[in-house]
């Protein structure tokens, strides 16, 4: 694959996602839940890589997929019910639960 402007953006998002995924793989709250929640994410990324030559999405689509996968991986790392920022918001506004799962 020749790198041109069109190919660089999805490749940059992939590189950032891989680094973030590796960092979030270190010491998750519950390892077994983290593995289960990341199986489909890894399958999706591998599928996108394998079909890139035949099915290219827009940069907007790749950006939205990237954002969802990052947020999903963060949720898997802490478990959705224990994401720290949303726990702070829950306590600050006297909410009954952590609403991170609703955001994602």
Protein backbone atom coordinates (compact mmCIF):
# COMPACT_ATOMS: atom_id res chain seq x y z
CA UNK A 1 0.00 0.00 0.00
CA UNK A 2 1.40 3.35 -1.02
CA UNK A 3 0.95 6.02 1.62
CA UNK A 4 -0.71 9.10 0.26
CA UNK A 5 -2.78 11.77 1.97
CA UNK A 6 -5.90 9.64 1.65
CA UNK A 7 -4.33 6.62 3.40
CA UNK A 8 -2.49 8.47 6.18
CA UNK A 9 -5.51 9.53 8.21
CA UNK A 10 -7.00 6.05 8.83
CA UNK A 11 -3.48 4.74 9.49
CA UNK A 12 -2.85 7.49 12.05
CA UNK A 13 -6.15 6.69 13.79
CA UNK A 14 -5.21 3.01 13.82
CA UNK A 15 -1.82 3.77 15.36
CA UNK A 16 -3.38 5.97 18.06
CA UNK A 17 -6.01 3.34 18.81
CA UNK A 18 -3.42 0.57 19.11
CA UNK A 19 -1.35 2.65 21.57
CA UNK A 20 -4.46 3.54 23.60
CA UNK A 21 -5.64 -0.08 23.54
CA UNK A 22 -2.28 -1.32 24.81
CA UNK A 23 -2.25 1.28 27.60
CA UNK A 24 -5.82 0.40 28.60
CA UNK A 25 -4.95 -3.32 28.52
CA UNK A 26 -2.60 -2.78 31.45
CA UNK A 27 -4.24 -3.71 34.73
CA UNK A 28 -7.96 -3.35 33.90
CA UNK A 29 -10.42 -3.47 36.78
CA UNK A 30 -11.70 -6.93 35.79
CA UNK A 31 -9.47 -8.77 33.29
CA UNK A 32 -12.09 -11.33 32.21
CA UNK A 33 -14.69 -8.65 31.50
CA UNK A 34 -12.08 -6.58 29.65
CA UNK A 35 -11.23 -9.54 27.40
CA UNK A 36 -14.88 -10.30 26.68
CA UNK A 37 -15.71 -6.68 25.86
CA UNK A 38 -12.69 -6.29 23.59
CA UNK A 39 -13.16 -9.42 21.47
CA UNK A 40 -15.61 -7.70 19.13
CA UNK A 41 -13.55 -4.49 19.06
CA UNK A 42 -10.47 -6.39 17.97
CA UNK A 43 -12.53 -8.32 15.39
CA UNK A 44 -13.91 -5.05 14.02
CA UNK A 45 -10.46 -3.47 13.71
CA UNK A 46 -9.03 -6.58 12.04
CA UNK A 47 -12.01 -6.66 9.68
CA UNK A 48 -11.52 -3.00 8.77
CA UNK A 49 -7.83 -3.62 8.10
CA UNK A 50 -8.46 -6.69 5.96
CA UNK A 51 -11.19 -5.04 3.89
CA UNK A 52 -9.60 -1.57 3.59
CA UNK A 53 -8.46 -2.22 0.04
CA UNK A 54 -12.01 -3.09 -1.05
CA UNK A 55 -14.27 -1.05 1.26
CA UNK A 56 -13.02 2.40 2.16
CA UNK A 57 -15.08 4.60 4.41
CA UNK A 58 -14.94 8.37 4.66
CA UNK A 59 -12.59 10.02 7.14
CA UNK A 60 -15.65 11.07 9.12
CA UNK A 61 -16.72 7.43 9.40
CA UNK A 62 -13.25 6.37 10.50
CA UNK A 63 -13.23 9.18 13.07
CA UNK A 64 -16.59 8.15 14.51
CA UNK A 65 -15.53 4.48 14.64
CA UNK A 66 -12.28 5.53 16.32
CA UNK A 67 -14.09 7.62 18.95
CA UNK A 68 -16.55 4.82 19.69
CA UNK A 69 -13.76 2.24 20.00
CA UNK A 70 -11.72 4.48 22.31
CA UNK A 71 -14.72 5.20 24.54
CA UNK A 72 -15.69 1.52 24.51
CA UNK A 73 -12.15 0.48 25.46
CA UNK A 74 -12.14 2.99 28.32
CA UNK A 75 -15.46 1.56 29.48
CA UNK A 76 -14.05 -1.96 29.28
CA UNK A 77 -10.94 -0.97 31.24
CA UNK A 78 -12.86 0.41 34.23
CA UNK A 79 -16.17 -1.36 33.53
CA UNK A 80 -18.89 0.98 32.42
CA UNK A 81 -20.31 1.40 35.91
CA UNK A 82 -16.98 2.52 37.38
CA UNK A 83 -15.53 5.05 34.91
CA UNK A 84 -13.94 7.63 37.25
CA UNK A 85 -15.09 10.85 35.54
CA UNK A 86 -18.69 9.75 35.52
CA UNK A 87 -18.44 8.54 39.11
CA UNK A 88 -17.34 12.08 40.04
CA UNK A 89 -20.33 13.48 38.12
CA UNK A 90 -22.63 10.96 39.82
CA UNK A 91 -21.43 12.09 43.25
CA UNK A 92 -21.44 15.80 42.35
CA UNK A 93 -25.01 15.82 41.07
CA UNK A 94 -26.44 13.14 43.40
CA UNK A 95 -27.28 10.83 40.53
CA UNK A 96 -28.42 7.31 41.26
CA UNK A 97 -25.95 5.68 38.86
CA UNK A 98 -22.97 6.19 36.60
CA UNK A 99 -24.33 7.07 33.13
CA UNK A 100 -21.22 6.29 31.07
CA UNK A 101 -22.96 3.33 29.46
CA UNK A 102 -25.72 5.63 28.22
CA UNK A 103 -23.19 7.96 26.62
CA UNK A 104 -21.53 5.12 24.78
